[in-house]
Amino acid sequence: EGGERVVVVDTDMQKSATTWSQAREGGTPAVVTVAAAALGDVIKAARHDAMTLRIVDTAPHAAPDAAKVVGLADLVIIPCRPTVFDSKSKPLVRPVRLEKV
């Protein structure tokens, strides 16, 4: 976790982050499941608990609460499969190195 105090907030109805957390060993990062409508309160509580990194898992589509979640975020990452147009813009794409933790 690189010195960060991390909490994952699962607002997705599929609860994939929660399922991931239950399937793995270890207690960190903490994962909490909440409705997107309660996200503001959860972020305040996480700040109070000195969580330095808050990762929010959302629905995989434009859910009604998407704008609220984006409005509360400092950074939004949208994973997607590359298209042929993406491969043509290769100089603009920076590779991300993944490390097994």
Protein backbone atom coordinates (compact mmCIF):
# COMPACT_ATOMS: atom_id res chain seq x y z
CA GLU A 1 0.00 0.00 0.00
CA GLY A 2 3.03 2.28 -0.20
CA GLY A 3 2.44 3.93 3.17
CA GLU A 4 -1.13 4.82 2.31
CA ARG A 5 -4.08 4.03 4.56
CA VAL A 6 -6.52 2.63 2.01
CA VAL A 7 -10.24 1.99 2.00
CA VAL A 8 -12.19 0.59 -0.94
CA VAL A 9 -15.79 1.77 -1.10
CA ASP A 10 -18.04 -0.56 -3.08
CA THR A 11 -21.09 1.28 -4.44
CA ASP A 12 -21.73 -1.22 -7.23
CA MET A 13 -24.90 -3.32 -6.95
CA GLN A 14 -22.85 -6.31 -8.22
CA LYS A 15 -20.62 -5.87 -5.15
CA SER A 16 -17.55 -7.08 -7.02
CA ALA A 17 -15.08 -5.29 -4.72
CA THR A 18 -16.82 -6.78 -1.69
CA THR A 19 -16.68 -10.26 -3.24
CA TRP A 20 -12.99 -9.74 -4.05
CA SER A 21 -12.33 -8.72 -0.45
CA GLN A 22 -14.11 -11.76 0.96
CA ALA A 23 -12.18 -14.11 -1.35
CA ARG A 24 -8.72 -12.87 -0.38
CA GLU A 25 -6.64 -13.32 2.72
CA GLY A 26 -5.66 -10.35 4.84
CA GLY A 27 -7.54 -7.45 6.26
CA THR A 28 -6.21 -4.63 4.14
CA PRO A 29 -7.33 -2.74 2.34
CA ALA A 30 -10.59 -2.32 4.19
CA VAL A 31 -13.64 -2.69 1.94
CA VAL A 32 -17.00 -1.17 2.82
CA THR A 33 -20.24 -1.64 0.90
CA VAL A 34 -22.59 1.35 0.71
CA ALA A 35 -25.19 2.89 -1.54
CA ALA A 36 -23.76 5.62 -3.76
CA ALA A 37 -26.13 8.08 -2.07
CA ALA A 38 -24.18 7.62 1.20
CA LEU A 39 -20.75 8.10 -0.39
CA GLY A 40 -20.26 11.65 0.91
CA ASP A 41 -20.74 10.48 4.50
CA VAL A 42 -18.38 7.54 3.97
CA ILE A 43 -15.68 9.84 2.57
CA LYS A 44 -16.03 12.14 5.58
CA ALA A 45 -15.72 9.16 7.93
CA ALA A 46 -12.68 7.87 6.03
CA ARG A 47 -10.98 11.26 6.32
CA HIS A 48 -11.79 11.29 10.05
CA ASP A 49 -10.17 7.83 10.32
CA ALA A 50 -7.07 9.18 8.53
CA MET A 51 -7.58 7.08 5.41
CA THR A 52 -5.27 8.69 2.86
CA LEU A 53 -6.53 6.87 -0.23
CA ARG A 54 -10.17 6.17 -0.96
CA ILE A 55 -10.95 3.98 -3.97
CA VAL A 56 -14.58 3.86 -5.08
CA ASP A 57 -15.88 0.95 -7.14
CA THR A 58 -18.96 1.97 -9.10
CA ALA A 59 -21.44 0.37 -11.45
CA PRO A 60 -20.01 -0.62 -14.85
CA HIS A 61 -22.40 1.73 -16.65
CA ALA A 62 -23.73 5.26 -16.35
CA ALA A 63 -25.82 4.71 -13.24
CA PRO A 64 -28.01 7.53 -11.91
CA ASP A 65 -25.51 8.23 -9.10
CA ALA A 66 -22.48 8.40 -11.42
CA ALA A 67 -22.43 12.20 -11.50
CA LYS A 68 -22.49 12.36 -7.70
CA VAL A 69 -19.60 9.89 -7.42
CA VAL A 70 -17.55 11.80 -10.02
CA GLY A 71 -18.27 15.06 -8.20
CA LEU A 72 -16.76 13.65 -5.00
CA ALA A 73 -13.66 12.22 -6.69
CA ASP A 74 -10.20 13.71 -7.07
CA LEU A 75 -9.41 11.32 -9.92
CA VAL A 76 -11.62 9.12 -12.11
CA ILE A 77 -10.22 6.04 -13.85
CA ILE A 78 -12.42 4.35 -16.43
CA PRO A 79 -11.12 0.92 -17.44
CA CYS A 80 -11.99 -0.02 -20.99
CA ARG A 81 -10.83 -2.24 -23.79
CA PRO A 82 -8.71 -0.46 -26.41
CA THR A 83 -10.09 0.01 -29.90
CA VAL A 84 -8.31 0.23 -33.24
CA PHE A 85 -8.37 4.03 -32.85
CA ASP A 86 -6.53 3.74 -29.53
CA SER A 87 -3.73 1.73 -31.14
CA LYS A 88 -3.29 4.49 -33.74
CA SER A 89 -2.75 7.06 -30.97
CA LYS A 90 0.11 5.04 -29.51
CA PRO A 91 2.36 8.06 -28.73
CA LEU A 92 -0.40 9.43 -26.47
CA VAL A 93 -0.83 6.20 -24.52
CA ARG A 94 1.38 5.59 -21.52
CA PRO A 95 1.84 1.99 -20.38
CA VAL A 96 0.93 1.14 -16.80
CA ARG A 97 3.20 -1.29 -15.02
CA LEU A 98 1.37 -3.67 -12.74
CA GLU A 99 3.17 -5.30 -9.87
CA LYS A 100 1.99 -8.26 -7.87
CA VAL A 101 1.67 -7.25 -4.22
